[in-house]
Amino acid sequence: MSLNEREKKLLDVLRVNPYVTQKEIAVSLHMSRPAVANIISGLQDKGYILGKPYVLRDKTYVTCIGGANMDVTLMLDQPLIQGTSNPVKTVSSYGGVIRNVAENLSRLQLDVSLMSLVGDDASGLDIITASQALMATFATETVPHETTGTYYAVINDTGDMEYGFASMTINYHMDRSWILRHKKHLVMSEFIITDLNVSKEAIETILELKKDLGIPVAIVGVSGPKMSHLPENLKELDVLICNVDETQAYFNTHIDDEKKLCQLWLDKGIKNVVVTSGLKGAFFNENGSISHVPARYVDQASIIDVTGAGDAFSSAFMYGIIKGYNISEAVKLGTINASLTVQVPNAVNPNLSIQTLKKELK
């Protein structure tokens, strides 16, 4: 968002002395005090002044909007038997599609702001506390009398998910008014990435604000049912990442040709589309045609947990886009990160680094 000369001069004064009074600013800039008050109010609305004393926005963030929850993984050591008790190993970790994306990007040394909702409980406090070590959480709120979202995954003895269960009623609060309340945070973004845990109205609001703010927006799929949160008009969208099942759910189609599915999204006017297809890899538009990068091979014996693989792909892909890689290189970064993540018992690889991805890319 552009600034006029008076706004720039006033910000220069505040950088030198954030405790300066409006009267002192008026004298310094040869303005009236009411004029100074109006300019300060405008800069607050634009997100350049965050508080008083006059705290300035000195850097931008990759703002990640959506779900932050606890992941509870139940790992079977033998095939699942219906109607009886099955022995499992239980692993709990921090999760949520956008929270996972935010952590991945933070570990790749980007400045990240997490914008989410957690419950007024121990899990919510734990998520915020753990996240603060890696990213900014000033846009993450606690909702009184709500429970932090929880995702339960049953992983079979070959490392694949048998069942997934989501308890996330808190996400209903991620609506249009929630987005608008955080406009002052969104203007601090160099890129906005949102998952589809937020409502359709929230997505529409983000795309409306994108027109005013001029900030690129990416959307990451969550599940087939939540594709109903994706609006009809997607012409303002810069990047969409989803899988085959999610694409089929949105278009209500049985088409299973990945290139045709990718073209359906492109026909809606989206600038960059990636459709992932498990072991087959990723399909995406590049230079006027649809290209393909195969999934990176991982020996079956090395696979521990596939939870978070899609988020790992989305994160590394978005890192590449934000850093100016061409789209095929960004997709390759995504496949590398996904392959490394399935080999650890965490939704986010704790050993992730950009040096590792660049080394594997070469």
Protein backbone atom coordinates (compact mmCIF):
# COMPACT_ATOMS: atom_id res chain seq x y z
CA MET A 1 0.00 0.00 0.00
CA SER A 2 1.58 3.26 -1.15
CA LEU A 3 2.27 6.21 1.16
CA ASN A 4 2.14 9.91 0.37
CA GLU A 5 4.95 12.30 1.25
CA ARG A 6 3.37 13.54 4.49
CA GLU A 7 2.88 9.99 5.70
CA LYS A 8 6.50 9.11 4.88
CA LYS A 9 7.80 12.18 6.73
CA LEU A 10 5.69 11.43 9.79
CA LEU A 11 6.96 7.83 9.90
CA ASP A 12 10.53 9.16 9.74
CA VAL A 13 9.82 11.25 12.86
CA LEU A 14 8.35 8.25 14.72
CA ARG A 15 11.33 6.07 13.88
CA VAL A 16 13.58 8.54 15.66
CA ASN A 17 11.30 8.98 18.69
CA PRO A 18 8.27 6.70 19.16
CA TYR A 19 7.33 8.66 22.30
CA VAL A 20 6.99 11.99 20.48
CA THR A 21 3.69 13.85 21.02
CA GLN A 22 1.35 14.87 18.26
CA LYS A 23 2.01 18.52 19.11
CA GLU A 24 5.77 18.00 18.70
CA ILE A 25 5.18 16.25 15.37
CA ALA A 26 3.00 19.14 14.21
CA VAL A 27 5.74 21.67 14.99
CA SER A 28 8.42 19.53 13.35
CA LEU A 29 6.46 19.01 10.11
CA HIS A 30 4.76 22.43 10.03
CA MET A 31 1.28 20.94 10.24
CA SER A 32 -1.70 21.42 12.51
CA ARG A 33 -2.16 18.93 15.34
CA PRO A 34 -5.54 17.72 13.91
CA ALA A 35 -3.81 17.05 10.58
CA VAL A 36 -1.16 14.99 12.38
CA ALA A 37 -3.89 13.05 14.23
CA ASN A 38 -5.63 12.27 10.94
CA ILE A 39 -2.41 11.04 9.32
CA ILE A 40 -1.59 8.85 12.34
CA SER A 41 -5.11 7.39 12.27
CA GLY A 42 -4.71 6.60 8.58
CA LEU A 43 -1.33 4.93 9.17
CA GLN A 44 -2.88 2.82 11.94
CA ASP A 45 -5.63 1.71 9.57
CA LYS A 46 -3.03 0.79 6.98
CA GLY A 47 -1.08 -1.20 9.56
CA TYR A 48 2.07 0.95 9.59
CA ILE A 49 1.57 1.96 13.23
CA LEU A 50 0.76 -0.94 15.54
CA GLY A 51 0.37 0.76 18.92
CA LYS A 52 1.40 3.53 21.29
CA PRO A 53 4.12 4.44 21.94
CA TYR A 54 4.16 4.54 18.19
CA VAL A 55 5.32 1.01 17.38
CA LEU A 56 6.04 0.82 13.66
CA ARG A 57 5.75 -2.06 11.28
CA ASP A 58 9.38 -2.53 10.28
CA LYS A 59 9.06 -5.82 8.39
CA THR A 60 6.57 -7.92 6.49
CA TYR A 61 5.48 -11.49 7.09
CA VAL A 62 4.21 -14.50 5.24
CA THR A 63 0.80 -14.55 6.95
CA CYS A 64 -0.61 -18.06 7.40
CA ILE A 65 -4.36 -18.14 8.09
CA GLY A 66 -6.34 -21.18 9.20
CA GLY A 67 -6.35 -24.16 11.51
CA ALA A 68 -4.02 -24.83 14.44
CA ASN A 69 -4.80 -27.95 16.41
CA MET A 70 -3.46 -30.99 18.18
CA ASP A 71 -2.69 -34.09 16.10
CA VAL A 72 -3.24 -37.43 17.82
CA THR A 73 -1.82 -40.29 15.75
CA LEU A 74 -2.80 -43.87 16.54
CA MET A 75 -0.22 -46.17 14.94
CA LEU A 76 -1.18 -49.81 14.35
CA ASP A 77 1.48 -52.49 14.42
CA GLN A 78 -0.76 -55.04 12.66
CA PRO A 79 -3.72 -54.87 10.25
CA LEU A 80 -6.84 -53.19 11.66
CA ILE A 81 -9.59 -55.56 12.83
CA GLN A 82 -13.09 -54.10 12.86
CA GLY A 83 -15.31 -54.54 15.93
CA THR A 84 -12.58 -55.24 18.47
CA SER A 85 -9.77 -53.57 20.37
CA ASN A 86 -6.60 -52.91 18.38
CA PRO A 87 -3.23 -52.24 20.07
CA VAL A 88 -1.75 -48.89 19.00
CA LYS A 89 1.12 -46.57 19.75
CA THR A 90 -0.18 -43.03 20.42
CA VAL A 91 1.79 -39.95 19.36
CA SER A 92 0.57 -36.40 20.03
CA SER A 93 1.95 -33.36 18.25
CA TYR A 94 1.00 -29.87 17.14
CA GLY A 95 -0.92 -29.83 13.88
CA GLY A 96 -3.41 -28.09 11.66
CA VAL A 97 -2.78 -27.59 7.95
CA ILE A 98 -1.85 -23.92 8.11
CA ARG A 99 0.01 -24.29 11.41
CA ASN A 100 2.10 -27.04 9.79
CA VAL A 101 2.71 -24.82 6.76
CA ALA A 102 3.72 -21.96 9.06
CA GLU A 103 6.18 -24.12 10.99
CA ASN A 104 7.72 -25.49 7.80
CA LEU A 105 8.20 -21.98 6.40
CA SER A 106 9.64 -20.77 9.70
CA ARG A 107 12.17 -23.60 9.66
CA LEU A 108 13.04 -22.47 6.13
CA GLN A 109 13.97 -19.07 7.62
CA LEU A 110 11.02 -17.01 6.41
CA ASP A 111 9.38 -14.43 8.69
CA VAL A 112 5.99 -15.98 9.40
CA SER A 113 2.88 -14.75 11.21
CA LEU A 114 0.32 -17.36 12.30
CA MET A 115 -3.30 -16.14 12.28
CA SER A 116 -5.47 -18.77 13.90
CA LEU A 117 -7.87 -19.58 16.74
CA VAL A 118 -7.29 -21.92 19.69
CA GLY A 119 -9.46 -22.89 22.62
CA ASP A 120 -9.36 -21.61 26.17
CA ASP A 121 -7.58 -24.76 27.35
CA ALA A 122 -4.17 -26.30 27.96
CA SER A 123 -3.78 -27.46 24.35
CA GLY A 124 -4.39 -23.95 23.04
CA LEU A 125 -1.82 -22.47 25.41
CA ASP A 126 0.68 -25.16 24.43
CA ILE A 127 0.22 -24.45 20.71
CA ILE A 128 0.73 -20.70 21.16
CA THR A 129 3.74 -21.15 23.44
CA ALA A 130 5.43 -23.64 21.09
CA SER A 131 4.68 -21.51 18.02
CA GLN A 132 6.16 -18.36 19.56
CA ALA A 133 9.60 -19.94 19.42
CA LEU A 134 9.44 -20.03 15.62
CA MET A 135 6.98 -17.42 14.38
CA ALA A 136 4.93 -14.36 15.27
CA THR A 137 1.62 -15.18 16.98
CA PHE A 138 0.18 -11.69 17.58
CA ALA A 139 -2.73 -12.52 15.23
CA THR A 140 -3.61 -15.81 16.96
CA GLU A 141 -6.48 -15.55 19.42
CA THR A 142 -7.92 -17.66 22.25
CA VAL A 143 -11.68 -18.20 22.06
CA PRO A 144 -13.35 -18.40 25.50
CA HIS A 145 -15.42 -21.51 26.22
CA GLU A 146 -14.15 -23.24 23.08
CA THR A 147 -12.01 -26.37 22.75
CA THR A 148 -8.84 -26.39 20.68
CA GLY A 149 -9.27 -28.38 17.49
CA THR A 150 -8.04 -31.97 17.50
CA TYR A 151 -7.29 -34.25 14.56
CA TYR A 152 -7.13 -38.02 15.08
CA ALA A 153 -5.41 -40.23 12.48
CA VAL A 154 -5.30 -44.03 12.47
CA ILE A 155 -2.14 -45.13 10.66
CA ASN A 156 -1.90 -48.73 9.50
CA ASP A 157 1.13 -51.00 9.71
CA THR A 158 2.33 -49.87 6.26
CA GLY A 159 2.33 -46.17 7.20
CA ASP A 160 -0.88 -45.20 5.39
CA MET A 161 -3.88 -43.54 7.01
CA GLU A 162 -6.87 -45.84 7.58
CA TYR A 163 -9.15 -43.24 9.17
CA GLY A 164 -9.09 -39.56 10.04
CA PHE A 165 -11.36 -37.75 12.50
CA ALA A 166 -11.56 -33.99 12.99
CA SER A 167 -13.05 -32.26 16.06
CA MET A 168 -12.80 -28.62 15.03
CA THR A 169 -15.97 -26.67 15.80
CA ILE A 170 -13.75 -23.74 16.81
CA ASN A 171 -13.09 -23.13 13.12
CA TYR A 172 -16.66 -21.86 12.70
CA HIS A 173 -15.40 -18.62 14.27
CA MET A 174 -13.05 -18.06 11.31
CA ASP A 175 -15.56 -15.95 9.43
CA ARG A 176 -15.74 -12.64 7.57
CA SER A 177 -15.77 -10.49 10.71
CA TRP A 178 -12.69 -12.32 12.02
CA ILE A 179 -10.78 -11.53 8.84
CA LEU A 180 -11.83 -7.87 8.88
CA ARG A 181 -10.79 -7.49 12.54
CA HIS A 182 -7.30 -8.53 11.47
CA LYS A 183 -6.96 -6.22 8.48
CA LYS A 184 -4.23 -4.28 10.30
CA HIS A 185 -2.26 -7.55 10.49
CA LEU A 186 -2.92 -8.56 6.90
CA VAL A 187 -1.43 -5.33 5.55
CA MET A 188 1.86 -6.50 7.07
CA SER A 189 1.97 -9.43 4.64
CA GLU A 190 4.25 -10.00 1.70
CA PHE A 191 2.21 -13.12 0.93
CA ILE A 192 -1.02 -14.52 2.42
CA ILE A 193 -1.50 -18.28 2.60
CA THR A 194 -4.79 -19.65 3.87
CA ASP A 195 -6.18 -23.14 4.27
CA LEU A 196 -9.83 -24.07 3.87
CA ASN A 197 -10.54 -24.49 7.56
CA VAL A 198 -11.81 -20.91 7.35
CA SER A 199 -15.34 -20.24 6.04
CA LYS A 200 -16.27 -19.46 2.44
CA GLU A 201 -17.14 -15.92 3.53
CA ALA A 202 -13.67 -15.56 5.05
CA ILE A 203 -12.02 -16.69 1.80
CA GLU A 204 -14.17 -14.25 -0.17
CA THR A 205 -13.14 -11.47 2.21
CA ILE A 206 -9.45 -12.30 1.84
CA LEU A 207 -9.77 -12.15 -1.95
CA GLU A 208 -11.64 -8.83 -1.69
CA LEU A 209 -8.89 -7.38 0.50
CA LYS A 210 -6.29 -8.68 -1.94
CA LYS A 211 -7.66 -6.20 -4.50
CA ASP A 212 -7.14 -3.31 -2.08
CA LEU A 213 -3.86 -4.42 -0.54
CA GLY A 214 -2.13 -5.79 -3.62
CA ILE A 215 -0.83 -8.79 -1.66
CA PRO A 216 -0.65 -12.19 -3.43
CA VAL A 217 -2.84 -14.95 -1.99
CA ALA A 218 -2.42 -18.74 -1.98
CA ILE A 219 -4.99 -21.32 -0.87
CA VAL A 220 -4.12 -24.80 0.38
CA GLY A 221 -6.70 -27.60 0.32
CA VAL A 222 -7.60 -29.46 3.52
CA SER A 223 -10.08 -32.19 2.54
CA GLY A 224 -12.78 -33.03 0.04
CA PRO A 225 -15.68 -31.85 2.24
CA LYS A 226 -13.98 -28.51 2.97
CA MET A 227 -13.70 -27.68 -0.72
CA SER A 228 -17.21 -26.28 -0.24
CA HIS A 229 -15.44 -23.36 1.50
CA LEU A 230 -13.86 -22.37 -1.80
CA PRO A 231 -15.83 -19.60 -3.59
CA GLU A 232 -17.03 -19.74 -7.17
CA ASN A 233 -15.11 -16.62 -8.23
CA LEU A 234 -11.38 -17.34 -8.01
CA LYS A 235 -10.01 -14.86 -10.54
CA GLU A 236 -8.13 -12.95 -7.83
CA LEU A 237 -6.34 -16.10 -6.61
CA ASP A 238 -2.62 -16.33 -7.30
CA VAL A 239 -1.89 -19.93 -6.19
CA LEU A 240 -4.04 -23.00 -5.47
CA ILE A 241 -2.62 -26.26 -4.11
CA CYS A 242 -4.93 -29.25 -3.72
CA ASN A 243 -5.05 -32.96 -4.49
CA VAL A 244 -7.09 -35.06 -6.91
CA ASP A 245 -9.83 -35.96 -4.40
CA GLU A 246 -10.30 -32.33 -3.40
CA THR A 247 -10.51 -31.25 -7.03
CA GLN A 248 -13.08 -33.93 -7.80
CA ALA A 249 -15.12 -32.86 -4.79
CA TYR A 250 -15.16 -29.18 -5.80
CA PHE A 251 -16.18 -29.85 -9.41
CA ASN A 252 -18.40 -32.84 -8.52
CA THR A 253 -16.69 -34.94 -11.14
CA HIS A 254 -15.28 -38.46 -11.50
CA ILE A 255 -12.57 -37.33 -13.90
CA ASP A 256 -9.29 -38.87 -12.72
CA ASP A 257 -6.95 -37.48 -15.37
CA GLU A 258 -4.74 -35.09 -13.40
CA LYS A 259 -4.00 -32.82 -16.35
CA LYS A 260 -7.71 -32.40 -17.09
CA LEU A 261 -8.37 -31.66 -13.42
CA CYS A 262 -5.60 -29.07 -13.43
CA GLN A 263 -7.14 -27.45 -16.50
CA LEU A 264 -10.51 -27.15 -14.74
CA TRP A 265 -8.88 -24.89 -12.16
CA LEU A 266 -7.04 -22.88 -14.81
CA ASP A 267 -10.30 -22.29 -16.65
CA LYS A 268 -11.49 -20.41 -13.53
CA GLY A 269 -8.72 -17.84 -14.00
CA ILE A 270 -6.34 -18.93 -11.23
CA LYS A 271 -2.78 -17.90 -12.05
CA ASN A 272 -0.86 -20.92 -10.70
CA VAL A 273 -2.35 -24.34 -9.93
CA VAL A 274 -0.80 -27.48 -8.48
CA VAL A 275 -2.77 -30.74 -8.28
CA THR A 276 -1.02 -33.45 -6.28
CA SER A 277 -1.66 -37.13 -6.86
CA GLY A 278 0.13 -39.13 -4.17
CA LEU A 279 2.85 -41.39 -5.52
CA LYS A 280 2.22 -40.11 -9.06
CA GLY A 281 3.55 -36.70 -8.07
CA ALA A 282 2.31 -33.20 -8.89
CA PHE A 283 0.72 -31.62 -11.99
CA PHE A 284 0.97 -27.88 -12.59
CA ASN A 285 0.80 -25.16 -15.23
CA GLU A 286 4.01 -23.79 -16.67
CA ASN A 287 4.62 -21.75 -19.81
CA GLY A 288 1.13 -22.28 -21.15
CA SER A 289 1.02 -26.04 -20.71
CA ILE A 290 0.52 -28.55 -17.89
CA SER A 291 3.68 -30.24 -16.61
CA HIS A 292 4.37 -33.09 -14.22
CA VAL A 293 6.99 -33.84 -11.57
CA PRO A 294 6.92 -37.39 -10.15
CA ALA A 295 6.91 -38.04 -6.43
CA ARG A 296 10.31 -38.64 -4.91
CA TYR A 297 10.88 -42.33 -4.22
CA VAL A 298 10.97 -43.43 -0.58
CA ASP A 299 11.52 -47.04 0.34
CA GLN A 300 8.43 -48.46 2.05
CA ALA A 301 10.50 -49.58 5.03
CA SER A 302 11.58 -45.96 5.63
CA ILE A 303 8.04 -44.58 5.82
CA ILE A 304 6.98 -43.87 9.40
CA ASP A 305 3.96 -41.56 9.13
CA VAL A 306 2.41 -39.89 6.08
CA THR A 307 0.62 -37.27 8.21
CA GLY A 308 1.84 -33.85 7.19
CA ALA A 309 3.31 -34.89 3.84
CA GLY A 310 0.86 -32.74 1.90
CA ASP A 311 1.52 -29.76 4.16
CA ALA A 312 5.26 -30.30 3.73
CA PHE A 313 4.82 -30.24 -0.05
CA SER A 314 2.72 -27.07 0.08
CA SER A 315 5.21 -25.33 2.36
CA ALA A 316 8.33 -26.00 0.35
CA PHE A 317 6.50 -25.19 -2.88
CA MET A 318 5.39 -21.85 -1.44
CA TYR A 319 8.93 -21.18 -0.22
CA GLY A 320 10.08 -21.59 -3.81
CA ILE A 321 7.36 -19.28 -5.17
CA ILE A 322 8.05 -16.59 -2.56
CA LYS A 323 11.80 -16.77 -3.18
CA GLY A 324 11.45 -16.48 -6.94
CA TYR A 325 12.16 -20.05 -8.07
CA ASN A 326 10.48 -21.09 -11.30
CA ILE A 327 7.39 -23.19 -10.72
CA SER A 328 8.94 -26.55 -11.66
CA GLU A 329 11.79 -26.01 -9.20
CA ALA A 330 9.27 -25.00 -6.53
CA VAL A 331 7.34 -28.23 -7.18
CA LYS A 332 10.55 -30.24 -6.85
CA LEU A 333 11.25 -28.57 -3.51
CA GLY A 334 7.76 -29.66 -2.45
CA THR A 335 8.31 -33.29 -3.44
CA ILE A 336 11.65 -33.34 -1.59
CA ASN A 337 10.14 -31.96 1.62
CA ALA A 338 7.22 -34.40 1.46
CA SER A 339 9.60 -37.35 1.02
CA LEU A 340 11.69 -36.29 4.02
CA THR A 341 8.64 -35.69 6.21
CA VAL A 342 7.14 -39.17 5.80
CA GLN A 343 10.37 -40.58 7.24
CA VAL A 344 9.92 -38.89 10.64
CA PRO A 345 7.21 -39.43 13.31
CA ASN A 346 6.16 -35.76 13.15
CA ALA A 347 3.81 -33.73 10.94
CA VAL A 348 6.73 -31.31 10.45
CA ASN A 349 10.29 -32.54 10.00
CA PRO A 350 12.24 -31.10 12.99
CA ASN A 351 15.46 -31.38 10.96
CA LEU A 352 14.16 -29.34 8.04
CA SER A 353 16.46 -26.64 6.67
CA ILE A 354 16.76 -24.81 3.39
CA GLN A 355 20.31 -26.15 3.07
CA THR A 356 18.92 -29.69 3.08
CA LEU A 357 16.32 -28.92 0.41
CA LYS A 358 18.81 -27.12 -1.83
CA LYS A 359 21.27 -29.99 -1.51
CA GLU A 360 18.60 -32.52 -2.49
CA LEU A 361 17.42 -30.27 -5.34
CA LYS A 362 20.87 -30.34 -6.89
